[in-house]
Amino acid sequence: MDTVVSGIRSTGNLHLGNYFGALRNFLKMQRENKCFFFIADYHSLTTHPKPDDIHGNIKQVLAEYLACGIDPEIATVFVQSDVPEVTELYLLLNMNAYIGELERTTSFKEKIRKHPDNINAGLLTYPVLMAADIIIHKANHVPVGKDQEQHLEMTRRFARRFNTIYEVNYFPEPDAYNFGQELIKIPGLDGTGKMGKSEGNGIFLADPPEVIRRKVMGAVTDTGPSHPGEEPSEPVKNLFTIMKVVSDPATVKYFTEQHAAATIRYGELKKQLAEDIIRVTNPIRNRINEILADNKFLAKVVREGGQKARESASGTIRDVREIIGYKPF
């Protein structure tokens, strides 16, 4: 049985991109693999060093994970900061991570452009902490979006480098878990890029219907096709991409033909898209609210999950210490 590790930052409510990128497949994945799912609350500090309500954020994301189908009875569900062994491995991996390679990561360059007043060491070494999260459980696979592919490749590099330096074959080099398909990237509503919380262009699983309708009706489009057969603009392609994963094929076909005939009305398309998104997210949102109201259940999940995660992580740390040469007197 392979080991799979996946995490999400505690600042980010789950959105359609998360759900259709990997979460909808987690139920199947967790029954076929040994899975570790964690709330990455340390990672969140790289861009939010003084969070308003870190506990509330963790609770919200945890409830959303569980509402999407994560089963704590068969998978290990935990909070990153409940496993201190991760920070020790992070420290040890940092000793063999080089400034040049970290500065060249796309995400680092993007973050320092967006947050020039908060270029901290944690932001620079974000890929190292991500690697520690993954290889501390000796993962074989990681479900990642396209934006994380470079980080996963760096994780493979750090695992390989450790094995090479200490002349062992200890850490596996994890592969992307994409369920036999291309990695899915759900675009945002602003006409460009991926869907996400920091970009302000996302539809979240916990959004009520009125919020979803408002967001979708405000999505960027264009002035409409001027002649039949005109290629859709990027913003319109984005809406069709979302529609393909939430709507019936007949609905997609109808609006595709309308655009091809240059008779499409974007207001009509948006109204239909909003209702289709609501239909998909309603059951999840209701379950999220039920879980949030059950504090005893949430406490049990993180307590038992943390114990299982620490058991796995502590074994790795013991081995790593011995491999490096740390021995008790």
C-alpha atoms as a PDB file:
ATOM      1  CA  MET A   1       0.000   0.000   0.000  1.00  0.00           C
ATOM      2  CA  ASP A   2       1.431   3.386  -1.053  1.00  0.00           C
ATOM      3  CA  THR A   3       1.603   6.398   1.255  1.00  0.00           C
ATOM      4  CA  VAL A   4      -0.030   9.679   0.190  1.00  0.00           C
ATOM      5  CA  VAL A   5       0.399  13.076   1.905  1.00  0.00           C
ATOM      6  CA  SER A   6      -1.693  16.173   1.220  1.00  0.00           C
ATOM      7  CA  GLY A   7      -2.093  19.501   3.001  1.00  0.00           C
ATOM      8  CA  ILE A   8      -3.786  22.851   2.694  1.00  0.00           C
ATOM      9  CA  ARG A   9      -2.896  26.162   4.285  1.00  0.00           C
ATOM     10  CA  SER A  10      -5.104  27.150   7.201  1.00  0.00           C
ATOM     11  CA  THR A  11      -5.720  30.579   5.654  1.00  0.00           C
ATOM     12  CA  GLY A  12      -7.450  29.119   2.632  1.00  0.00           C
ATOM     13  CA  ASN A  13     -11.067  28.024   2.639  1.00  0.00           C
ATOM     14  CA  LEU A  14     -11.560  25.221   0.136  1.00  0.00           C
ATOM     15  CA  HIS A  15     -12.784  26.432  -3.236  1.00  0.00           C
ATOM     16  CA  LEU A  16     -13.938  24.810  -6.454  1.00  0.00           C
ATOM     17  CA  GLY A  17     -10.334  24.504  -7.617  1.00  0.00           C
ATOM     18  CA  ASN A  18      -9.443  22.427  -4.558  1.00  0.00           C
ATOM     19  CA  TYR A  19     -12.542  20.292  -4.842  1.00  0.00           C
ATOM     20  CA  PHE A  20     -12.274  19.415  -8.516  1.00  0.00           C
ATOM     21  CA  GLY A  21      -8.477  19.331  -8.465  1.00  0.00           C
ATOM     22  CA  ALA A  22      -8.155  16.573  -5.870  1.00  0.00           C
ATOM     23  CA  LEU A  23     -10.674  16.576  -3.050  1.00  0.00           C
ATOM     24  CA  ARG A  24     -13.460  14.884  -4.971  1.00  0.00           C
ATOM     25  CA  ASN A  25     -11.111  11.945  -5.469  1.00  0.00           C
ATOM     26  CA  PHE A  26      -9.940  11.715  -1.865  1.00  0.00           C
ATOM     27  CA  LEU A  27     -12.634   9.226  -0.874  1.00  0.00           C
ATOM     28  CA  LYS A  28     -11.372   6.731  -3.426  1.00  0.00           C
ATOM     29  CA  MET A  29      -7.733   7.566  -2.745  1.00  0.00           C
ATOM     30  CA  GLN A  30      -7.941   7.117   1.018  1.00  0.00           C
ATOM     31  CA  ARG A  31      -9.383   3.618   0.614  1.00  0.00           C
ATOM     32  CA  GLU A  32      -6.577   2.513  -1.670  1.00  0.00           C
ATOM     33  CA  ASN A  33      -3.593   4.119   0.081  1.00  0.00           C
ATOM     34  CA  LYS A  34      -2.213   5.034   3.487  1.00  0.00           C
ATOM     35  CA  CYS A  35      -3.204   8.710   3.562  1.00  0.00           C
ATOM     36  CA  PHE A  36      -2.081  11.661   5.698  1.00  0.00           C
ATOM     37  CA  PHE A  37      -4.170  14.833   5.339  1.00  0.00           C
ATOM     38  CA  PHE A  38      -3.066  17.881   7.319  1.00  0.00           C
ATOM     39  CA  ILE A  39      -3.904  21.532   7.934  1.00  0.00           C
ATOM     40  CA  ALA A  40      -0.734  23.482   7.080  1.00  0.00           C
ATOM     41  CA  ASP A  41      -0.942  26.158   9.765  1.00  0.00           C
ATOM     42  CA  TYR A  42       2.832  26.773   9.826  1.00  0.00           C
ATOM     43  CA  HIS A  43       2.829  27.437   6.087  1.00  0.00           C
ATOM     44  CA  SER A  44       0.150  30.079   6.523  1.00  0.00           C
ATOM     45  CA  LEU A  45       2.512  32.217   8.634  1.00  0.00           C
ATOM     46  CA  THR A  46       4.803  32.854   5.655  1.00  0.00           C
ATOM     47  CA  THR A  47       2.332  35.370   4.243  1.00  0.00           C
ATOM     48  CA  HIS A  48       0.118  35.935   7.314  1.00  0.00           C
ATOM     49  CA  PRO A  49       2.597  36.216  10.224  1.00  0.00           C
ATOM     50  CA  LYS A  50      -0.073  37.692  12.514  1.00  0.00           C
ATOM     51  CA  PRO A  51      -3.306  35.872  11.695  1.00  0.00           C
ATOM     52  CA  ASP A  52      -6.554  37.303  13.040  1.00  0.00           C
ATOM     53  CA  ASP A  53      -7.948  33.937  14.136  1.00  0.00           C
ATOM     54  CA  ILE A  54      -5.626  31.033  13.398  1.00  0.00           C
ATOM     55  CA  HIS A  55      -7.658  28.611  15.524  1.00  0.00           C
ATOM     56  CA  GLY A  56     -10.884  29.548  13.765  1.00  0.00           C
ATOM     57  CA  ASN A  57      -9.192  29.200  10.385  1.00  0.00           C
ATOM     58  CA  ILE A  58      -7.898  25.734  11.268  1.00  0.00           C
ATOM     59  CA  LYS A  59     -11.327  24.662  12.485  1.00  0.00           C
ATOM     60  CA  GLN A  60     -13.014  25.909   9.310  1.00  0.00           C
ATOM     61  CA  VAL A  61     -10.610  24.167   6.934  1.00  0.00           C
ATOM     62  CA  LEU A  62     -10.734  20.961   8.970  1.00  0.00           C
ATOM     63  CA  ALA A  63     -14.535  20.933   8.804  1.00  0.00           C
ATOM     64  CA  GLU A  64     -14.385  21.499   5.059  1.00  0.00           C
ATOM     65  CA  TYR A  65     -11.946  18.611   4.570  1.00  0.00           C
ATOM     66  CA  LEU A  66     -14.241  16.283   6.500  1.00  0.00           C
ATOM     67  CA  ALA A  67     -17.353  17.524   4.688  1.00  0.00           C
ATOM     68  CA  CYS A  68     -15.720  16.695   1.350  1.00  0.00           C
ATOM     69  CA  GLY A  69     -15.421  13.060   2.333  1.00  0.00           C
ATOM     70  CA  ILE A  70     -12.199  12.648   4.286  1.00  0.00           C
ATOM     71  CA  ASP A  71     -12.769   9.790   6.730  1.00  0.00           C
ATOM     72  CA  PRO A  72     -10.660  10.066   9.911  1.00  0.00           C
ATOM     73  CA  GLU A  73     -11.374   6.408  10.647  1.00  0.00           C
ATOM     74  CA  ILE A  74      -9.308   5.251   7.669  1.00  0.00           C
ATOM     75  CA  ALA A  75      -7.054   8.263   6.958  1.00  0.00           C
ATOM     76  CA  THR A  76      -4.809  10.256   9.296  1.00  0.00           C
ATOM     77  CA  VAL A  77      -6.202  13.793   9.619  1.00  0.00           C
ATOM     78  CA  PHE A  78      -4.148  16.225  11.697  1.00  0.00           C
ATOM     79  CA  VAL A  79      -2.904  19.759  12.247  1.00  0.00           C
ATOM     80  CA  GLN A  80       0.672  20.445  11.135  1.00  0.00           C
ATOM     81  CA  SER A  81       1.684  22.264  14.343  1.00  0.00           C
ATOM     82  CA  ASP A  82       0.631  19.242  16.414  1.00  0.00           C
ATOM     83  CA  VAL A  83       3.589  17.315  14.961  1.00  0.00           C
ATOM     84  CA  PRO A  84       6.825  19.024  16.146  1.00  0.00           C
ATOM     85  CA  GLU A  85       8.948  16.393  14.408  1.00  0.00           C
ATOM     86  CA  VAL A  86       8.144  18.171  11.142  1.00  0.00           C
ATOM     87  CA  THR A  87      10.013  21.297  12.241  1.00  0.00           C
ATOM     88  CA  GLU A  88      13.060  19.231  13.210  1.00  0.00           C
ATOM     89  CA  LEU A  89      13.211  17.602   9.786  1.00  0.00           C
ATOM     90  CA  TYR A  90      12.630  21.031   8.217  1.00  0.00           C
ATOM     91  CA  LEU A  91      15.706  22.308  10.091  1.00  0.00           C
ATOM     92  CA  LEU A  92      17.845  19.359   9.015  1.00  0.00           C
ATOM     93  CA  LEU A  93      16.784  19.618   5.365  1.00  0.00           C
ATOM     94  CA  ASN A  94      17.542  23.350   5.397  1.00  0.00           C
ATOM     95  CA  MET A  95      21.193  22.514   6.033  1.00  0.00           C
ATOM     96  CA  ASN A  96      21.373  21.096   2.517  1.00  0.00           C
ATOM     97  CA  ALA A  97      19.021  23.508   0.742  1.00  0.00           C
ATOM     98  CA  TYR A  98      20.764  26.251  -1.216  1.00  0.00           C
ATOM     99  CA  ILE A  99      19.830  29.914  -1.441  1.00  0.00           C
ATOM    100  CA  GLY A 100      20.110  30.022  -5.229  1.00  0.00           C
ATOM    101  CA  GLU A 101      17.673  27.190  -5.864  1.00  0.00           C
ATOM    102  CA  LEU A 102      15.173  28.589  -3.360  1.00  0.00           C
ATOM    103  CA  GLU A 103      15.323  32.085  -4.835  1.00  0.00           C
ATOM    104  CA  ARG A 104      14.623  30.693  -8.298  1.00  0.00           C
ATOM    105  CA  THR A 105      11.284  29.110  -7.383  1.00  0.00           C
ATOM    106  CA  THR A 106       8.373  30.629  -9.234  1.00  0.00           C
ATOM    107  CA  SER A 107       6.213  30.911  -6.125  1.00  0.00           C
ATOM    108  CA  PHE A 108       8.914  32.803  -4.195  1.00  0.00           C
ATOM    109  CA  LYS A 109       9.393  35.315  -6.998  1.00  0.00           C
ATOM    110  CA  GLU A 110       5.636  35.767  -7.247  1.00  0.00           C
ATOM    111  CA  LYS A 111       5.191  36.221  -3.489  1.00  0.00           C
ATOM    112  CA  ILE A 112       7.946  38.818  -3.122  1.00  0.00           C
ATOM    113  CA  ARG A 113       6.395  40.733  -5.999  1.00  0.00           C
ATOM    114  CA  LYS A 114       3.012  40.729  -4.264  1.00  0.00           C
ATOM    115  CA  HIS A 115       4.359  41.207  -0.714  1.00  0.00           C
ATOM    116  CA  PRO A 116       7.596  43.254  -1.018  1.00  0.00           C
ATOM    117  CA  ASP A 117       7.285  44.333   2.626  1.00  0.00           C
ATOM    118  CA  ASN A 118       7.241  40.754   3.925  1.00  0.00           C
ATOM    119  CA  ILE A 119      10.139  38.867   2.333  1.00  0.00           C
ATOM    120  CA  ASN A 120      10.895  36.555   5.246  1.00  0.00           C
ATOM    121  CA  ALA A 121      13.062  33.472   5.662  1.00  0.00           C
ATOM    122  CA  GLY A 122      10.017  31.238   6.013  1.00  0.00           C
ATOM    123  CA  LEU A 123       8.778  32.394   2.615  1.00  0.00           C
ATOM    124  CA  LEU A 124      12.142  31.582   1.062  1.00  0.00           C
ATOM    125  CA  THR A 125      12.310  28.110   2.624  1.00  0.00           C
ATOM    126  CA  TYR A 126       8.626  27.290   2.048  1.00  0.00           C
ATOM    127  CA  PRO A 127       9.563  24.409  -0.326  1.00  0.00           C
ATOM    128  CA  VAL A 128      11.781  22.889   2.365  1.00  0.00           C
ATOM    129  CA  LEU A 129       8.961  22.834   4.915  1.00  0.00           C
ATOM    130  CA  MET A 130       6.690  21.355   2.271  1.00  0.00           C
ATOM    131  CA  ALA A 131       9.302  18.666   1.615  1.00  0.00           C
ATOM    132  CA  ALA A 132       9.519  17.902   5.337  1.00  0.00           C
ATOM    133  CA  ASP A 133       5.729  17.552   5.540  1.00  0.00           C
ATOM    134  CA  ILE A 134       5.817  14.987   2.751  1.00  0.00           C
ATOM    135  CA  ILE A 135       8.911  12.897   3.261  1.00  0.00           C
ATOM    136  CA  ILE A 136       8.578  12.639   7.045  1.00  0.00           C
ATOM    137  CA  HIS A 137       5.855  10.092   6.291  1.00  0.00           C
ATOM    138  CA  LYS A 138       7.937   8.603   3.450  1.00  0.00           C
ATOM    139  CA  ALA A 139       5.211   9.453   0.953  1.00  0.00           C
ATOM    140  CA  ASN A 140       5.107   7.866  -2.477  1.00  0.00           C
ATOM    141  CA  HIS A 141       2.494  10.228  -3.915  1.00  0.00           C
ATOM    142  CA  VAL A 142       1.237  13.779  -3.392  1.00  0.00           C
ATOM    143  CA  PRO A 143      -1.965  15.208  -4.920  1.00  0.00           C
ATOM    144  CA  VAL A 144      -0.842  18.603  -6.229  1.00  0.00           C
ATOM    145  CA  GLY A 145      -2.160  21.351  -8.468  1.00  0.00           C
ATOM    146  CA  LYS A 146      -0.175  22.715 -11.376  1.00  0.00           C
ATOM    147  CA  ASP A 147       1.091  25.604  -9.240  1.00  0.00           C
ATOM    148  CA  GLN A 148       2.751  23.136  -6.838  1.00  0.00           C
ATOM    149  CA  GLU A 149       4.484  20.936  -9.402  1.00  0.00           C
ATOM    150  CA  GLN A 150       7.774  22.815  -8.990  1.00  0.00           C
ATOM    151  CA  HIS A 151       7.624  22.417  -5.208  1.00  0.00           C
ATOM    152  CA  LEU A 152       7.033  18.698  -5.586  1.00  0.00           C
ATOM    153  CA  GLU A 153      10.053  18.446  -7.862  1.00  0.00           C
ATOM    154  CA  MET A 154      12.100  20.212  -5.177  1.00  0.00           C
ATOM    155  CA  THR A 155      10.792  17.723  -2.608  1.00  0.00           C
ATOM    156  CA  ARG A 156      12.086  14.942  -4.826  1.00  0.00           C
ATOM    157  CA  ARG A 157      15.401  16.776  -5.067  1.00  0.00           C
ATOM    158  CA  PHE A 158      15.740  17.177  -1.285  1.00  0.00           C
ATOM    159  CA  ALA A 159      14.903  13.499  -0.723  1.00  0.00           C
ATOM    160  CA  ARG A 160      17.438  12.460  -3.367  1.00  0.00           C
ATOM    161  CA  ARG A 161      20.063  14.822  -1.956  1.00  0.00           C
ATOM    162  CA  PHE A 162      19.676  13.408   1.562  1.00  0.00           C
ATOM    163  CA  ASN A 163      20.037   9.873   0.232  1.00  0.00           C
ATOM    164  CA  THR A 164      23.120  10.844  -1.791  1.00  0.00           C
ATOM    165  CA  ILE A 165      24.894  12.802   0.957  1.00  0.00           C
ATOM    166  CA  TYR A 166      24.446  10.088   3.570  1.00  0.00           C
ATOM    167  CA  GLU A 167      24.797   7.188   1.108  1.00  0.00           C
ATOM    168  CA  VAL A 168      21.447   5.615   1.953  1.00  0.00           C
ATOM    169  CA  ASN A 169      18.259   4.749   0.129  1.00  0.00           C
ATOM    170  CA  TYR A 170      15.951   6.002   2.832  1.00  0.00           C
ATOM    171  CA  PHE A 171      13.516   8.585   1.448  1.00  0.00           C
ATOM    172  CA  PRO A 172      11.321   7.735  -1.571  1.00  0.00           C
ATOM    173  CA  GLU A 173      11.013  10.387  -4.282  1.00  0.00           C
ATOM    174  CA  PRO A 174       7.250  11.091  -4.328  1.00  0.00           C
ATOM    175  CA  ASP A 175       5.313  11.459  -7.563  1.00  0.00           C
ATOM    176  CA  ALA A 176       2.269  13.592  -8.330  1.00  0.00           C
ATOM    177  CA  TYR A 177      -0.994  11.786  -7.634  1.00  0.00           C
ATOM    178  CA  ASN A 178      -3.283  12.880 -10.427  1.00  0.00           C
ATOM    179  CA  PHE A 179      -5.645   9.910 -10.516  1.00  0.00           C
ATOM    180  CA  GLY A 180      -4.519   8.872 -13.993  1.00  0.00           C
ATOM    181  CA  GLN A 181      -5.505  12.217 -15.489  1.00  0.00           C
ATOM    182  CA  GLU A 182      -3.800  15.509 -16.216  1.00  0.00           C
ATOM    183  CA  LEU A 183      -3.598  17.762 -13.180  1.00  0.00           C
ATOM    184  CA  ILE A 184      -6.730  19.909 -13.139  1.00  0.00           C
ATOM    185  CA  LYS A 185      -6.500  23.678 -12.882  1.00  0.00           C
ATOM    186  CA  ILE A 186      -9.766  25.509 -12.215  1.00  0.00           C
ATOM    187  CA  PRO A 187      -9.555  29.168 -13.316  1.00  0.00           C
ATOM    188  CA  GLY A 188     -10.786  32.110 -11.289  1.00  0.00           C
ATOM    189  CA  LEU A 189     -13.581  34.556 -12.043  1.00  0.00           C
ATOM    190  CA  ASP A 190     -11.289  37.498 -12.790  1.00  0.00           C
ATOM    191  CA  GLY A 191     -10.462  36.352 -16.317  1.00  0.00           C
ATOM    192  CA  THR A 192      -6.923  35.160 -15.631  1.00  0.00           C
ATOM    193  CA  GLY A 193      -5.006  32.608 -13.586  1.00  0.00           C
ATOM    194  CA  LYS A 194      -6.103  29.968 -11.128  1.00  0.00           C
ATOM    195  CA  MET A 195      -8.858  30.132  -8.563  1.00  0.00           C
ATOM    196  CA  GLY A 196      -7.658  31.025  -5.075  1.00  0.00           C
ATOM    197  CA  LYS A 197      -8.396  32.939  -1.895  1.00  0.00           C
ATOM    198  CA  SER A 198      -5.458  35.348  -2.101  1.00  0.00           C
ATOM    199  CA  GLU A 199      -6.388  36.256  -5.679  1.00  0.00           C
ATOM    200  CA  GLY A 200      -9.932  37.174  -4.617  1.00  0.00           C
ATOM    201  CA  ASN A 201     -11.379  35.302  -7.585  1.00  0.00           C
ATOM    202  CA  GLY A 202     -12.695  32.129  -5.994  1.00  0.00           C
ATOM    203  CA  ILE A 203     -15.970  30.442  -5.181  1.00  0.00           C
ATOM    204  CA  PHE A 204     -15.691  28.645  -1.850  1.00  0.00           C
ATOM    205  CA  LEU A 205     -17.465  25.489  -0.816  1.00  0.00           C
ATOM    206  CA  ALA A 206     -18.888  27.305   2.228  1.00  0.00           C
ATOM    207  CA  ASP A 207     -20.275  30.226   0.194  1.00  0.00           C
ATOM    208  CA  PRO A 208     -24.079  30.583   0.530  1.00  0.00           C
ATOM    209  CA  PRO A 209     -26.158  30.733  -2.685  1.00  0.00           C
ATOM    210  CA  GLU A 210     -26.561  34.504  -2.659  1.00  0.00           C
ATOM    211  CA  VAL A 211     -22.785  34.969  -2.486  1.00  0.00           C
ATOM    212  CA  ILE A 212     -22.193  32.501  -5.319  1.00  0.00           C
ATOM    213  CA  ARG A 213     -24.731  34.284  -7.502  1.00  0.00           C
ATOM    214  CA  ARG A 214     -23.145  37.658  -6.822  1.00  0.00           C
ATOM    215  CA  LYS A 215     -19.632  36.386  -7.550  1.00  0.00           C
ATOM    216  CA  VAL A 216     -20.573  34.626 -10.775  1.00  0.00           C
ATOM    217  CA  MET A 217     -22.621  37.539 -12.087  1.00  0.00           C
ATOM    218  CA  GLY A 218     -19.590  39.743 -11.488  1.00  0.00           C
ATOM    219  CA  ALA A 219     -17.219  37.427 -13.386  1.00  0.00           C
ATOM    220  CA  VAL A 220     -15.138  39.002 -16.139  1.00  0.00           C
ATOM    221  CA  THR A 221     -16.266  38.319 -19.725  1.00  0.00           C
ATOM    222  CA  ASP A 222     -15.992  40.406 -22.915  1.00  0.00           C
ATOM    223  CA  THR A 223     -18.311  42.299 -25.252  1.00  0.00           C
ATOM    224  CA  GLY A 224     -19.390  39.070 -26.948  1.00  0.00           C
ATOM    225  CA  PRO A 225     -18.474  37.453 -30.282  1.00  0.00           C
ATOM    226  CA  SER A 226     -18.824  39.781 -33.252  1.00  0.00           C
ATOM    227  CA  HIS A 227     -19.254  37.008 -35.815  1.00  0.00           C
ATOM    228  CA  PRO A 228     -20.059  33.257 -35.892  1.00  0.00           C
ATOM    229  CA  GLY A 229     -17.138  30.955 -35.196  1.00  0.00           C
ATOM    230  CA  GLU A 230     -15.147  33.548 -33.268  1.00  0.00           C
ATOM    231  CA  GLU A 231     -12.751  32.061 -30.714  1.00  0.00           C
ATOM    232  CA  PRO A 232     -13.787  32.747 -27.092  1.00  0.00           C
ATOM    233  CA  SER A 233     -11.592  35.162 -25.150  1.00  0.00           C
ATOM    234  CA  GLU A 234      -9.615  33.903 -22.161  1.00  0.00           C
ATOM    235  CA  PRO A 235     -12.167  35.107 -19.557  1.00  0.00           C
ATOM    236  CA  VAL A 236     -14.996  33.383 -21.415  1.00  0.00           C
ATOM    237  CA  LYS A 237     -12.958  30.199 -21.814  1.00  0.00           C
ATOM    238  CA  ASN A 238     -12.525  30.250 -18.042  1.00  0.00           C
ATOM    239  CA  LEU A 239     -16.283  30.278 -17.498  1.00  0.00           C
ATOM    240  CA  PHE A 240     -16.708  27.383 -19.900  1.00  0.00           C
ATOM    241  CA  THR A 241     -13.963  25.479 -18.065  1.00  0.00           C
ATOM    242  CA  ILE A 242     -15.879  25.832 -14.795  1.00  0.00           C
ATOM    243  CA  MET A 243     -19.145  24.964 -16.502  1.00  0.00           C
ATOM    244  CA  LYS A 244     -17.689  21.724 -17.847  1.00  0.00           C
ATOM    245  CA  VAL A 245     -17.097  20.443 -14.310  1.00  0.00           C
ATOM    246  CA  VAL A 246     -20.359  21.563 -12.658  1.00  0.00           C
ATOM    247  CA  SER A 247     -22.992  21.520 -15.413  1.00  0.00           C
ATOM    248  CA  ASP A 248     -24.731  18.846 -17.455  1.00  0.00           C
ATOM    249  CA  PRO A 249     -23.148  18.127 -20.862  1.00  0.00           C
ATOM    250  CA  ALA A 250     -26.342  19.356 -22.531  1.00  0.00           C
ATOM    251  CA  THR A 251     -25.951  22.728 -20.807  1.00  0.00           C
ATOM    252  CA  VAL A 252     -22.341  23.053 -21.928  1.00  0.00           C
ATOM    253  CA  LYS A 253     -23.336  22.078 -25.474  1.00  0.00           C
ATOM    254  CA  TYR A 254     -26.130  24.661 -25.545  1.00  0.00           C
ATOM    255  CA  PHE A 255     -23.922  27.591 -24.535  1.00  0.00           C
ATOM    256  CA  THR A 256     -21.026  26.439 -26.702  1.00  0.00           C
ATOM    257  CA  GLU A 257     -23.325  26.457 -29.713  1.00  0.00           C
ATOM    258  CA  GLN A 258     -24.712  29.837 -28.695  1.00  0.00           C
ATOM    259  CA  HIS A 259     -21.212  31.298 -28.627  1.00  0.00           C
ATOM    260  CA  ALA A 260     -20.282  29.669 -31.926  1.00  0.00           C
ATOM    261  CA  ALA A 261     -23.381  31.235 -33.488  1.00  0.00           C
ATOM    262  CA  ALA A 262     -22.535  34.649 -31.963  1.00  0.00           C
ATOM    263  CA  THR A 263     -25.946  34.737 -30.236  1.00  0.00           C
ATOM    264  CA  ILE A 264     -24.798  34.060 -26.692  1.00  0.00           C
ATOM    265  CA  ARG A 265     -25.975  36.208 -23.790  1.00  0.00           C
ATOM    266  CA  TYR A 266     -23.432  36.147 -21.010  1.00  0.00           C
ATOM    267  CA  GLY A 267     -26.024  37.082 -18.389  1.00  0.00           C
ATOM    268  CA  GLU A 268     -27.949  33.912 -19.230  1.00  0.00           C
ATOM    269  CA  LEU A 269     -24.759  31.833 -19.111  1.00  0.00           C
ATOM    270  CA  LYS A 270     -23.765  33.269 -15.725  1.00  0.00           C
ATOM    271  CA  LYS A 271     -27.192  32.668 -14.197  1.00  0.00           C
ATOM    272  CA  GLN A 272     -27.102  29.029 -15.287  1.00  0.00           C
ATOM    273  CA  LEU A 273     -23.519  28.595 -14.125  1.00  0.00           C
ATOM    274  CA  ALA A 274     -24.318  30.052 -10.693  1.00  0.00           C
ATOM    275  CA  GLU A 275     -27.257  27.680 -10.186  1.00  0.00           C
ATOM    276  CA  ASP A 276     -25.161  24.691 -11.260  1.00  0.00           C
ATOM    277  CA  ILE A 277     -22.402  25.641  -8.813  1.00  0.00           C
ATOM    278  CA  ILE A 278     -24.992  26.017  -6.035  1.00  0.00           C
ATOM    279  CA  ARG A 279     -26.377  22.569  -6.834  1.00  0.00           C
ATOM    280  CA  VAL A 280     -22.892  21.056  -6.451  1.00  0.00           C
ATOM    281  CA  THR A 281     -21.869  22.960  -3.316  1.00  0.00           C
ATOM    282  CA  ASN A 282     -25.141  22.949  -1.320  1.00  0.00           C
ATOM    283  CA  PRO A 283     -24.722  19.450   0.176  1.00  0.00           C
ATOM    284  CA  ILE A 284     -21.109  20.189   1.078  1.00  0.00           C
ATOM    285  CA  ARG A 285     -21.934  23.534   2.698  1.00  0.00           C
ATOM    286  CA  ASN A 286     -24.689  21.961   4.791  1.00  0.00           C
ATOM    287  CA  ARG A 287     -22.318  19.262   5.998  1.00  0.00           C
ATOM    288  CA  ILE A 288     -19.633  21.867   6.816  1.00  0.00           C
ATOM    289  CA  ASN A 289     -22.064  23.698   9.087  1.00  0.00           C
ATOM    290  CA  GLU A 290     -23.064  20.468  10.840  1.00  0.00           C
ATOM    291  CA  ILE A 291     -19.429  19.580  11.550  1.00  0.00           C
ATOM    292  CA  LEU A 292     -18.541  23.093  12.764  1.00  0.00           C
ATOM    293  CA  ALA A 293     -21.276  22.791  15.378  1.00  0.00           C
ATOM    294  CA  ASP A 294     -19.808  19.533  16.757  1.00  0.00           C
ATOM    295  CA  ASN A 295     -16.741  20.594  18.751  1.00  0.00           C
ATOM    296  CA  LYS A 296     -16.359  17.210  20.455  1.00  0.00           C
ATOM    297  CA  PHE A 297     -16.105  15.462  17.108  1.00  0.00           C
ATOM    298  CA  LEU A 298     -13.518  17.945  15.794  1.00  0.00           C
ATOM    299  CA  ALA A 299     -11.430  17.623  18.975  1.00  0.00           C
ATOM    300  CA  LYS A 300     -11.481  13.829  18.687  1.00  0.00           C
ATOM    301  CA  VAL A 301     -10.399  13.955  15.035  1.00  0.00           C
ATOM    302  CA  VAL A 302      -7.363  16.192  15.625  1.00  0.00           C
ATOM    303  CA  ARG A 303      -6.335  14.428  18.850  1.00  0.00           C
ATOM    304  CA  GLU A 304      -6.353  10.961  17.327  1.00  0.00           C
ATOM    305  CA  GLY A 305      -4.963  12.181  14.009  1.00  0.00           C
ATOM    306  CA  GLY A 306      -2.119  14.004  15.733  1.00  0.00           C
ATOM    307  CA  GLN A 307      -1.200  10.875  17.678  1.00  0.00           C
ATOM    308  CA  LYS A 308      -1.049   8.768  14.517  1.00  0.00           C
ATOM    309  CA  ALA A 309       0.922  11.418  12.624  1.00  0.00           C
ATOM    310  CA  ARG A 310       3.454  11.755  15.453  1.00  0.00           C
ATOM    311  CA  GLU A 311       3.922   8.012  15.600  1.00  0.00           C
ATOM    312  CA  SER A 312       4.811   7.996  11.912  1.00  0.00           C
ATOM    313  CA  ALA A 313       6.969  11.137  12.100  1.00  0.00           C
ATOM    314  CA  SER A 314       8.896  10.159  15.238  1.00  0.00           C
ATOM    315  CA  GLY A 315      10.024   6.918  13.608  1.00  0.00           C
ATOM    316  CA  THR A 316      11.419   8.889  10.669  1.00  0.00           C
ATOM    317  CA  ILE A 317      13.214  11.366  12.930  1.00  0.00           C
ATOM    318  CA  ARG A 318      14.846   8.542  14.887  1.00  0.00           C
ATOM    319  CA  ASP A 319      16.105   7.038  11.641  1.00  0.00           C
ATOM    320  CA  VAL A 320      17.292  10.383  10.257  1.00  0.00           C
ATOM    321  CA  ARG A 321      19.185  11.212  13.440  1.00  0.00           C
ATOM    322  CA  GLU A 322      20.932   7.855  13.313  1.00  0.00           C
ATOM    323  CA  ILE A 323      21.752   8.220   9.608  1.00  0.00           C
ATOM    324  CA  ILE A 324      23.273  11.674  10.150  1.00  0.00           C
ATOM    325  CA  GLY A 325      25.228  10.417  13.135  1.00  0.00           C
ATOM    326  CA  TYR A 326      23.407  11.680  16.210  1.00  0.00           C
ATOM    327  CA  LYS A 327      23.640   8.976  18.868  1.00  0.00           C
ATOM    328  CA  PRO A 328      22.797   8.829  22.565  1.00  0.00           C
ATOM    329  CA  PHE A 329      25.705   8.663  25.047  1.00  0.00           C
END
